[in-house]
Amino acid sequence: MHRIGRDNKIINFDNREHDNNSIICLVYGEIDCRCQIIKQLYLGRNEDKIINTLIDEYFTTIKNNVKQYKKIIIVGIIPPTSDKEFDNQNPKHPFVGSDEDRVRITYKMNKLLEEYCNKNINFIYFNPYSFYTKDNGTFKFEYSDTTVHLGDNTYFLDKFVELYNSINN
């Protein structure tokens, strides 16, 4: 999400592949919540300012780059994986901060994503992750790919198909 906002470019996106009937789905933000935002906190930046800037630049980039569409679906950010359930020594998936920090940041990011979508008539906020969330706000690891992403995505896909069908009916 940071890279998209910073570079004012959506990775692998080409407007020539879309028209006014396109439904565009954007799924970004997990790594921002897992490590990038907290790294900025360690540098002394304000958490709410980091999050607000990140979301604002992300939506500005979407509006600057996506010219033809019927709807844009913004997928909420998956709950953070607990340190206790994942070998945090894997440099491919670094964790920064405590579980509580990452849960709080993910919650704030999702809340703001939802608010921005509600302000934009053709944007839809899609967040089916309550099904995948433990009481403490972390990811139910049994649904993972053994890292930080969904493995068993049956529920997610069922809910996505319902949403997609509702848009096209």
N, C-alpha and C. Protein backbone atom coordinates (compact mmCIF):
# COMPACT_ATOMS: atom_id res chain seq x y z
N MET A 1 0.83 -1.18 0.00
CA MET A 1 0.00 0.00 0.00
C MET A 1 0.88 1.26 0.00
N HIS A 2 1.95 1.20 0.81
CA HIS A 2 2.86 2.35 0.85
C HIS A 2 3.48 2.60 -0.52
N ARG A 3 3.97 1.54 -1.15
CA ARG A 3 4.62 1.68 -2.46
C ARG A 3 3.66 2.25 -3.50
N ILE A 4 2.42 1.79 -3.48
CA ILE A 4 1.42 2.28 -4.42
C ILE A 4 1.19 3.77 -4.23
N GLY A 5 0.98 4.17 -2.98
CA GLY A 5 0.77 5.59 -2.69
C GLY A 5 1.99 6.44 -2.99
N ARG A 6 3.14 5.94 -2.62
CA ARG A 6 4.39 6.69 -2.84
C ARG A 6 4.67 6.89 -4.32
N ASP A 7 4.49 5.82 -5.11
CA ASP A 7 4.86 5.86 -6.53
C ASP A 7 3.72 6.33 -7.43
N ASN A 8 2.53 6.51 -6.86
CA ASN A 8 1.34 6.90 -7.63
C ASN A 8 1.13 5.94 -8.81
N LYS A 9 1.29 4.65 -8.53
CA LYS A 9 1.16 3.62 -9.55
C LYS A 9 0.68 2.33 -8.91
N ILE A 10 -0.30 1.69 -9.52
CA ILE A 10 -0.78 0.40 -9.05
C ILE A 10 -0.02 -0.68 -9.80
N ILE A 11 0.61 -1.55 -9.07
CA ILE A 11 1.46 -2.59 -9.62
C ILE A 11 0.65 -3.50 -10.56
N ASN A 12 1.19 -3.71 -11.76
CA ASN A 12 0.59 -4.59 -12.78
C ASN A 12 -0.82 -4.17 -13.18
N PHE A 13 -1.10 -2.89 -13.17
CA PHE A 13 -2.43 -2.41 -13.57
C PHE A 13 -2.32 -1.66 -14.89
N ASP A 14 -3.24 -1.96 -15.80
CA ASP A 14 -3.25 -1.32 -17.11
C ASP A 14 -4.69 -0.95 -17.45
N ASN A 15 -4.97 0.34 -17.56
CA ASN A 15 -6.32 0.82 -17.87
C ASN A 15 -6.85 0.27 -19.19
N ARG A 16 -5.97 -0.06 -20.12
CA ARG A 16 -6.42 -0.57 -21.42
C ARG A 16 -7.13 -1.91 -21.29
N GLU A 17 -6.95 -2.58 -20.18
CA GLU A 17 -7.58 -3.88 -19.95
C GLU A 17 -8.97 -3.76 -19.31
N HIS A 18 -9.43 -2.51 -19.09
CA HIS A 18 -10.69 -2.30 -18.37
C HIS A 18 -11.62 -1.38 -19.13
N ASP A 19 -12.90 -1.50 -18.79
CA ASP A 19 -13.90 -0.60 -19.36
C ASP A 19 -14.90 -0.22 -18.26
N ASN A 20 -15.98 0.41 -18.63
CA ASN A 20 -16.95 0.88 -17.64
C ASN A 20 -17.75 -0.24 -16.98
N ASN A 21 -17.55 -1.47 -17.40
CA ASN A 21 -18.19 -2.61 -16.75
C ASN A 21 -17.23 -3.41 -15.87
N SER A 22 -16.00 -2.96 -15.77
CA SER A 22 -14.98 -3.68 -14.99
C SER A 22 -15.24 -3.54 -13.49
N ILE A 23 -15.02 -4.64 -12.81
CA ILE A 23 -15.02 -4.63 -11.35
C ILE A 23 -13.58 -4.89 -10.93
N ILE A 24 -12.99 -3.92 -10.30
CA ILE A 24 -11.57 -3.96 -9.93
C ILE A 24 -11.48 -4.29 -8.45
N CYS A 25 -10.62 -5.22 -8.11
CA CYS A 25 -10.44 -5.65 -6.72
C CYS A 25 -9.00 -5.39 -6.31
N LEU A 26 -8.81 -4.64 -5.24
CA LEU A 26 -7.48 -4.31 -4.75
C LEU A 26 -7.29 -4.89 -3.35
N VAL A 27 -6.18 -5.61 -3.18
CA VAL A 27 -5.89 -6.32 -1.92
C VAL A 27 -4.48 -5.94 -1.49
N TYR A 28 -4.35 -4.94 -0.67
CA TYR A 28 -3.04 -4.47 -0.22
C TYR A 28 -3.09 -4.11 1.26
N GLY A 29 -1.93 -4.04 1.90
CA GLY A 29 -1.83 -3.51 3.25
C GLY A 29 -1.30 -4.45 4.31
N GLU A 30 -1.24 -5.75 4.03
CA GLU A 30 -0.81 -6.70 5.06
C GLU A 30 0.61 -6.40 5.54
N ILE A 31 1.54 -6.22 4.62
CA ILE A 31 2.93 -5.99 5.04
C ILE A 31 3.08 -4.62 5.72
N ASP A 32 2.26 -3.67 5.33
CA ASP A 32 2.30 -2.36 6.00
C ASP A 32 1.97 -2.53 7.48
N CYS A 33 0.93 -3.33 7.77
CA CYS A 33 0.52 -3.55 9.16
C CYS A 33 1.48 -4.46 9.90
N ARG A 34 2.08 -5.41 9.21
CA ARG A 34 2.97 -6.38 9.84
C ARG A 34 4.32 -5.78 10.22
N CYS A 35 4.80 -4.83 9.42
CA CYS A 35 6.13 -4.32 9.77
C CYS A 35 6.38 -2.86 9.41
N GLN A 36 5.88 -2.36 8.30
CA GLN A 36 6.30 -1.03 7.84
C GLN A 36 5.83 0.11 8.75
N ILE A 37 4.59 0.06 9.20
CA ILE A 37 4.07 1.16 10.04
C ILE A 37 4.82 1.21 11.37
N ILE A 38 5.03 0.05 11.98
CA ILE A 38 5.71 0.04 13.28
C ILE A 38 7.16 0.49 13.15
N LYS A 39 7.81 0.18 12.03
CA LYS A 39 9.16 0.70 11.80
C LYS A 39 9.16 2.22 11.84
N GLN A 40 8.12 2.82 11.27
CA GLN A 40 8.01 4.28 11.29
C GLN A 40 7.76 4.81 12.70
N LEU A 41 7.00 4.05 13.49
CA LEU A 41 6.78 4.44 14.89
C LEU A 41 8.09 4.47 15.65
N TYR A 42 8.96 3.49 15.40
CA TYR A 42 10.26 3.43 16.05
C TYR A 42 11.13 4.64 15.69
N LEU A 43 10.82 5.26 14.55
CA LEU A 43 11.56 6.45 14.13
C LEU A 43 10.97 7.73 14.72
N GLY A 44 9.91 7.58 15.53
CA GLY A 44 9.33 8.72 16.22
C GLY A 44 8.12 9.35 15.54
N ARG A 45 7.62 8.75 14.47
CA ARG A 45 6.45 9.30 13.78
C ARG A 45 5.18 8.96 14.54
N ASN A 46 4.14 9.75 14.32
CA ASN A 46 2.84 9.56 14.96
C ASN A 46 2.03 8.50 14.23
N GLU A 47 1.50 7.52 14.97
CA GLU A 47 0.78 6.39 14.38
C GLU A 47 -0.41 6.83 13.52
N ASP A 48 -1.24 7.69 14.05
CA ASP A 48 -2.42 8.11 13.28
C ASP A 48 -2.04 8.90 12.04
N LYS A 49 -0.99 9.70 12.14
CA LYS A 49 -0.54 10.45 10.96
C LYS A 49 0.00 9.50 9.89
N ILE A 50 0.76 8.48 10.31
CA ILE A 50 1.28 7.48 9.36
C ILE A 50 0.12 6.81 8.64
N ILE A 51 -0.86 6.33 9.40
CA ILE A 51 -1.99 5.60 8.84
C ILE A 51 -2.82 6.49 7.94
N ASN A 52 -3.14 7.69 8.39
CA ASN A 52 -3.95 8.60 7.58
C ASN A 52 -3.25 8.97 6.27
N THR A 53 -1.96 9.23 6.32
CA THR A 53 -1.20 9.56 5.11
C THR A 53 -1.18 8.36 4.16
N LEU A 54 -0.94 7.18 4.72
CA LEU A 54 -0.87 5.96 3.91
C LEU A 54 -2.19 5.73 3.17
N ILE A 55 -3.30 5.81 3.87
CA ILE A 55 -4.61 5.55 3.26
C ILE A 55 -4.96 6.67 2.27
N ASP A 56 -4.68 7.89 2.63
CA ASP A 56 -4.99 9.02 1.73
C ASP A 56 -4.21 8.90 0.42
N GLU A 57 -2.93 8.59 0.51
CA GLU A 57 -2.12 8.45 -0.71
C GLU A 57 -2.54 7.23 -1.52
N TYR A 58 -2.94 6.18 -0.87
CA TYR A 58 -3.43 4.98 -1.54
C TYR A 58 -4.68 5.28 -2.36
N PHE A 59 -5.64 5.95 -1.75
CA PHE A 59 -6.87 6.29 -2.46
C PHE A 59 -6.64 7.34 -3.55
N THR A 60 -5.75 8.26 -3.32
CA THR A 60 -5.40 9.24 -4.35
C THR A 60 -4.82 8.53 -5.56
N THR A 61 -3.95 7.56 -5.33
CA THR A 61 -3.36 6.79 -6.43
C THR A 61 -4.43 6.02 -7.19
N ILE A 62 -5.35 5.41 -6.47
CA ILE A 62 -6.43 4.66 -7.14
C ILE A 62 -7.21 5.62 -8.04
N LYS A 63 -7.59 6.77 -7.52
CA LYS A 63 -8.37 7.74 -8.30
C LYS A 63 -7.57 8.29 -9.48
N ASN A 64 -6.27 8.44 -9.30
CA ASN A 64 -5.43 8.95 -10.38
C ASN A 64 -5.20 7.93 -11.48
N ASN A 65 -5.28 6.65 -11.15
CA ASN A 65 -4.89 5.61 -12.09
C ASN A 65 -6.03 4.79 -12.67
N VAL A 66 -7.08 4.58 -11.93
CA VAL A 66 -8.19 3.75 -12.41
C VAL A 66 -9.22 4.67 -13.04
N LYS A 67 -9.30 4.62 -14.36
CA LYS A 67 -10.14 5.57 -15.10
C LYS A 67 -11.48 4.99 -15.52
N GLN A 68 -11.55 3.70 -15.75
CA GLN A 68 -12.79 3.07 -16.21
C GLN A 68 -13.12 1.90 -15.30
N TYR A 69 -14.32 1.91 -14.75
CA TYR A 69 -14.74 0.82 -13.89
C TYR A 69 -16.22 0.97 -13.55
N LYS A 70 -16.78 -0.15 -13.16
CA LYS A 70 -18.14 -0.17 -12.64
C LYS A 70 -18.09 0.01 -11.12
N LYS A 71 -17.23 -0.79 -10.49
CA LYS A 71 -17.02 -0.73 -9.04
C LYS A 71 -15.57 -1.04 -8.74
N ILE A 72 -15.11 -0.50 -7.63
CA ILE A 72 -13.79 -0.85 -7.12
C ILE A 72 -14.01 -1.48 -5.75
N ILE A 73 -13.53 -2.70 -5.60
CA ILE A 73 -13.63 -3.39 -4.32
C ILE A 73 -12.29 -3.25 -3.60
N ILE A 74 -12.34 -2.69 -2.42
CA ILE A 74 -11.16 -2.58 -1.57
C ILE A 74 -11.28 -3.66 -0.51
N VAL A 75 -10.39 -4.63 -0.54
CA VAL A 75 -10.44 -5.72 0.43
C VAL A 75 -9.73 -5.29 1.70
N GLY A 76 -10.39 -5.52 2.83
CA GLY A 76 -9.79 -5.23 4.13
C GLY A 76 -8.51 -6.02 4.33
N ILE A 77 -7.79 -5.65 5.34
CA ILE A 77 -6.49 -6.28 5.63
C ILE A 77 -6.70 -7.46 6.56
N ILE A 78 -6.10 -8.58 6.20
CA ILE A 78 -6.20 -9.81 6.97
C ILE A 78 -5.68 -9.58 8.39
N PRO A 79 -6.25 -10.27 9.39
CA PRO A 79 -5.72 -10.11 10.75
C PRO A 79 -4.26 -10.57 10.84
N PRO A 80 -3.51 -9.97 11.73
CA PRO A 80 -2.09 -10.34 11.84
C PRO A 80 -1.90 -11.72 12.46
N THR A 81 -0.91 -12.43 11.96
CA THR A 81 -0.53 -13.72 12.52
C THR A 81 0.16 -13.50 13.86
N SER A 82 -0.15 -14.33 14.81
CA SER A 82 0.48 -14.25 16.14
C SER A 82 1.93 -14.71 16.06
N ASP A 83 2.79 -14.01 16.78
CA ASP A 83 4.20 -14.41 16.87
C ASP A 83 4.33 -15.84 17.38
N LYS A 84 3.47 -16.25 18.30
CA LYS A 84 3.57 -17.56 18.93
C LYS A 84 3.30 -18.70 17.94
N GLU A 85 2.58 -18.40 16.87
CA GLU A 85 2.21 -19.43 15.92
C GLU A 85 3.07 -19.45 14.66
N PHE A 86 4.00 -18.56 14.60
CA PHE A 86 4.81 -18.46 13.39
C PHE A 86 6.26 -18.26 13.77
N ASP A 87 7.15 -18.90 13.06
CA ASP A 87 8.57 -18.72 13.29
C ASP A 87 8.98 -17.35 12.77
N ASN A 88 9.09 -16.40 13.68
CA ASN A 88 9.37 -15.01 13.34
C ASN A 88 10.80 -14.79 12.84
N GLN A 89 11.57 -15.83 12.73
CA GLN A 89 12.95 -15.69 12.26
C GLN A 89 13.04 -15.72 10.73
N ASN A 90 11.95 -15.96 10.07
CA ASN A 90 11.94 -16.03 8.61
C ASN A 90 12.04 -14.62 8.03
N PRO A 91 13.16 -14.27 7.40
CA PRO A 91 13.33 -12.91 6.88
C PRO A 91 12.36 -12.57 5.75
N LYS A 92 11.77 -13.60 5.11
CA LYS A 92 10.81 -13.36 4.05
C LYS A 92 9.51 -12.75 4.61
N HIS A 93 9.19 -13.07 5.85
CA HIS A 93 7.97 -12.56 6.50
C HIS A 93 8.32 -11.97 7.86
N PRO A 94 9.05 -10.87 7.91
CA PRO A 94 9.43 -10.30 9.21
C PRO A 94 8.23 -9.70 9.94
N PHE A 95 8.24 -9.82 11.25
CA PHE A 95 7.22 -9.21 12.10
C PHE A 95 7.91 -8.09 12.88
N VAL A 96 7.24 -6.97 13.03
CA VAL A 96 7.77 -5.88 13.84
C VAL A 96 6.67 -5.50 14.82
N GLY A 97 7.03 -5.37 16.09
CA GLY A 97 6.07 -5.01 17.11
C GLY A 97 5.37 -6.22 17.70
N SER A 98 4.60 -5.97 18.72
CA SER A 98 3.87 -7.03 19.41
C SER A 98 2.60 -7.39 18.64
N ASP A 99 2.02 -8.53 19.00
CA ASP A 99 0.73 -8.90 18.43
C ASP A 99 -0.29 -7.78 18.65
N GLU A 100 -0.31 -7.23 19.85
CA GLU A 100 -1.26 -6.18 20.19
C GLU A 100 -1.06 -4.94 19.30
N ASP A 101 0.19 -4.58 19.05
CA ASP A 101 0.48 -3.43 18.17
C ASP A 101 -0.07 -3.69 16.77
N ARG A 102 0.21 -4.87 16.25
CA ARG A 102 -0.21 -5.19 14.88
C ARG A 102 -1.72 -5.33 14.76
N VAL A 103 -2.37 -5.84 15.81
CA VAL A 103 -3.84 -5.92 15.81
C VAL A 103 -4.44 -4.52 15.80
N ARG A 104 -3.90 -3.65 16.65
CA ARG A 104 -4.40 -2.26 16.74
C ARG A 104 -4.24 -1.54 15.39
N ILE A 105 -3.08 -1.67 14.79
CA ILE A 105 -2.81 -1.00 13.53
C ILE A 105 -3.70 -1.56 12.42
N THR A 106 -3.86 -2.87 12.37
CA THR A 106 -4.73 -3.47 11.36
C THR A 106 -6.16 -2.99 11.53
N TYR A 107 -6.62 -2.90 12.77
CA TYR A 107 -7.98 -2.41 13.04
C TYR A 107 -8.13 -0.96 12.53
N LYS A 108 -7.17 -0.12 12.86
CA LYS A 108 -7.23 1.29 12.43
C LYS A 108 -7.20 1.41 10.91
N MET A 109 -6.34 0.63 10.29
CA MET A 109 -6.24 0.67 8.82
C MET A 109 -7.57 0.24 8.20
N ASN A 110 -8.15 -0.85 8.68
CA ASN A 110 -9.41 -1.33 8.13
C ASN A 110 -10.54 -0.33 8.37
N LYS A 111 -10.57 0.28 9.51
CA LYS A 111 -11.60 1.29 9.81
C LYS A 111 -11.50 2.45 8.82
N LEU A 112 -10.30 2.91 8.57
CA LEU A 112 -10.11 4.03 7.65
C LEU A 112 -10.39 3.62 6.20
N LEU A 113 -10.00 2.42 5.81
CA LEU A 113 -10.34 1.93 4.47
C LEU A 113 -11.86 1.93 4.28
N GLU A 114 -12.57 1.47 5.29
CA GLU A 114 -14.04 1.44 5.22
C GLU A 114 -14.60 2.86 5.10
N GLU A 115 -14.09 3.78 5.89
CA GLU A 115 -14.56 5.17 5.84
C GLU A 115 -14.33 5.78 4.46
N TYR A 116 -13.16 5.56 3.89
CA TYR A 116 -12.87 6.10 2.56
C TYR A 116 -13.79 5.49 1.51
N CYS A 117 -14.04 4.19 1.61
CA CYS A 117 -14.96 3.55 0.65
C CYS A 117 -16.36 4.13 0.78
N ASN A 118 -16.80 4.38 2.00
CA ASN A 118 -18.14 4.93 2.21
C ASN A 118 -18.28 6.34 1.63
N LYS A 119 -17.18 7.05 1.50
CA LYS A 119 -17.20 8.41 0.92
C LYS A 119 -17.18 8.39 -0.61
N ASN A 120 -16.88 7.26 -1.20
CA ASN A 120 -16.75 7.14 -2.65
C ASN A 120 -17.81 6.18 -3.17
N ILE A 121 -18.78 6.70 -3.89
CA ILE A 121 -19.98 5.95 -4.25
C ILE A 121 -19.71 4.65 -5.00
N ASN A 122 -18.70 4.56 -5.81
CA ASN A 122 -18.45 3.34 -6.58
C ASN A 122 -17.37 2.46 -5.97
N PHE A 123 -17.05 2.71 -4.71
CA PHE A 123 -16.08 1.89 -3.99
C PHE A 123 -16.84 1.01 -2.99
N ILE A 124 -16.41 -0.22 -2.87
CA ILE A 124 -17.02 -1.15 -1.92
C ILE A 124 -15.93 -1.68 -1.00
N TYR A 125 -16.17 -1.58 0.29
CA TYR A 125 -15.25 -2.16 1.27
C TYR A 125 -15.69 -3.60 1.52
N PHE A 126 -14.77 -4.54 1.38
CA PHE A 126 -15.06 -5.96 1.55
C PHE A 126 -14.12 -6.52 2.60
N ASN A 127 -14.67 -6.95 3.73
CA ASN A 127 -13.84 -7.49 4.79
C ASN A 127 -14.53 -8.69 5.43
N PRO A 128 -14.23 -9.90 4.91
CA PRO A 128 -14.84 -11.11 5.46
C PRO A 128 -14.01 -11.75 6.57
N TYR A 129 -13.07 -10.99 7.13
CA TYR A 129 -12.07 -11.60 8.00
C TYR A 129 -12.52 -11.88 9.43
N SER A 130 -13.71 -11.47 9.83
CA SER A 130 -14.14 -11.81 11.20
C SER A 130 -14.16 -13.33 11.37
N PHE A 131 -14.49 -14.04 10.31
CA PHE A 131 -14.48 -15.51 10.32
C PHE A 131 -13.10 -16.06 10.64
N TYR A 132 -12.06 -15.34 10.25
CA TYR A 132 -10.68 -15.80 10.40
C TYR A 132 -9.97 -15.19 11.60
N THR A 133 -10.70 -14.49 12.47
CA THR A 133 -10.10 -13.73 13.55
C THR A 133 -10.40 -14.35 14.91
N LYS A 134 -9.35 -14.52 15.72
CA LYS A 134 -9.51 -14.99 17.10
C LYS A 134 -10.02 -13.83 17.98
N ASP A 135 -10.42 -14.16 19.19
CA ASP A 135 -10.91 -13.15 20.13
C ASP A 135 -9.86 -12.08 20.42
N ASN A 136 -8.58 -12.42 20.36
CA ASN A 136 -7.54 -11.42 20.63
C ASN A 136 -7.17 -10.59 19.40
N GLY A 137 -7.87 -10.83 18.26
CA GLY A 137 -7.64 -10.03 17.06
C GLY A 137 -6.63 -10.61 16.09
N THR A 138 -5.98 -11.71 16.44
CA THR A 138 -5.00 -12.31 15.54
C THR A 138 -5.68 -13.34 14.64
N PHE A 139 -4.94 -13.76 13.65
CA PHE A 139 -5.38 -14.68 12.60
C PHE A 139 -5.51 -16.10 13.15
N LYS A 140 -6.60 -16.79 12.81
CA LYS A 140 -6.75 -18.21 13.13
C LYS A 140 -5.79 -18.98 12.22
N PHE A 141 -4.66 -19.35 12.79
CA PHE A 141 -3.56 -19.90 12.01
C PHE A 141 -3.94 -21.16 11.24
N GLU A 142 -4.94 -21.89 11.70
CA GLU A 142 -5.35 -23.12 11.00
C GLU A 142 -5.91 -22.82 9.61
N TYR A 143 -6.26 -21.55 9.33
CA TYR A 143 -6.74 -21.16 8.01
C TYR A 143 -5.63 -20.57 7.14
N SER A 144 -4.40 -20.58 7.65
CA SER A 144 -3.30 -19.94 6.94
C SER A 144 -2.62 -20.87 5.94
N ASP A 145 -1.74 -20.27 5.17
CA ASP A 145 -0.87 -21.04 4.28
C ASP A 145 0.43 -21.38 5.02
N THR A 146 0.40 -21.34 6.34
CA THR A 146 1.51 -21.51 7.30
C THR A 146 2.42 -20.30 7.35
N THR A 147 1.99 -19.21 6.73
CA THR A 147 2.73 -17.94 6.87
C THR A 147 1.73 -16.88 7.32
N VAL A 148 1.56 -15.85 6.53
CA VAL A 148 0.71 -14.72 6.92
C VAL A 148 -0.50 -14.53 6.01
N HIS A 149 -0.72 -15.49 5.12
CA HIS A 149 -1.80 -15.38 4.14
C HIS A 149 -2.81 -16.50 4.32
N LEU A 150 -3.97 -16.33 3.68
CA LEU A 150 -4.99 -17.37 3.72
C LEU A 150 -4.51 -18.61 2.98
N GLY A 151 -4.77 -19.75 3.56
CA GLY A 151 -4.57 -21.02 2.88
C GLY A 151 -5.93 -21.58 2.52
N ASP A 152 -6.75 -21.81 3.54
CA ASP A 152 -8.12 -22.27 3.32
C ASP A 152 -8.98 -21.03 3.12
N ASN A 153 -9.20 -20.67 1.86
CA ASN A 153 -9.92 -19.43 1.55
C ASN A 153 -11.37 -19.67 1.12
N THR A 154 -11.92 -20.82 1.46
CA THR A 154 -13.27 -21.18 1.04
C THR A 154 -14.29 -20.12 1.48
N TYR A 155 -14.26 -19.74 2.74
CA TYR A 155 -15.21 -18.75 3.25
C TYR A 155 -15.03 -17.42 2.53
N PHE A 156 -13.79 -16.99 2.38
CA PHE A 156 -13.48 -15.74 1.69
C PHE A 156 -14.08 -15.75 0.29
N LEU A 157 -13.82 -16.82 -0.45
CA LEU A 157 -14.30 -16.91 -1.83
C LEU A 157 -15.83 -16.96 -1.90
N ASP A 158 -16.45 -17.68 -0.99
CA ASP A 158 -17.92 -17.71 -0.96
C ASP A 158 -18.49 -16.30 -0.77
N LYS A 159 -17.93 -15.55 0.16
CA LYS A 159 -18.41 -14.19 0.41
C LYS A 159 -18.09 -13.26 -0.76
N PHE A 160 -16.94 -13.48 -1.39
CA PHE A 160 -16.58 -12.65 -2.54
C PHE A 160 -17.52 -12.90 -3.71
N VAL A 161 -17.85 -14.14 -3.96
CA VAL A 161 -18.77 -14.48 -5.04
C VAL A 161 -20.15 -13.87 -4.77
N GLU A 162 -20.59 -13.90 -3.52
CA GLU A 162 -21.87 -13.25 -3.16
C GLU A 162 -21.82 -11.77 -3.48
N LEU A 163 -20.73 -11.11 -3.09
CA LEU A 163 -20.60 -9.67 -3.36
C LEU A 163 -20.56 -9.42 -4.87
N TYR A 164 -19.76 -10.17 -5.57
CA TYR A 164 -19.63 -10.00 -7.04
C TYR A 164 -20.99 -10.18 -7.71
N ASN A 165 -21.70 -11.20 -7.34
CA ASN A 165 -23.03 -11.44 -7.93
C ASN A 165 -24.01 -10.32 -7.62
N SER A 166 -23.92 -9.76 -6.42
CA SER A 166 -24.82 -8.66 -6.05
C SER A 166 -24.53 -7.40 -6.88
N ILE A 167 -23.28 -7.23 -7.27
CA ILE A 167 -22.90 -6.07 -8.10
C ILE A 167 -23.43 -6.25 -9.52
N ASN A 168 -23.40 -7.46 -10.02
CA ASN A 168 -23.80 -7.73 -11.40
C ASN A 168 -25.28 -8.02 -11.59
N ASN A 169 -26.05 -8.05 -10.52
CA ASN A 169 -27.49 -8.31 -10.66
C ASN A 169 -28.28 -7.02 -10.61
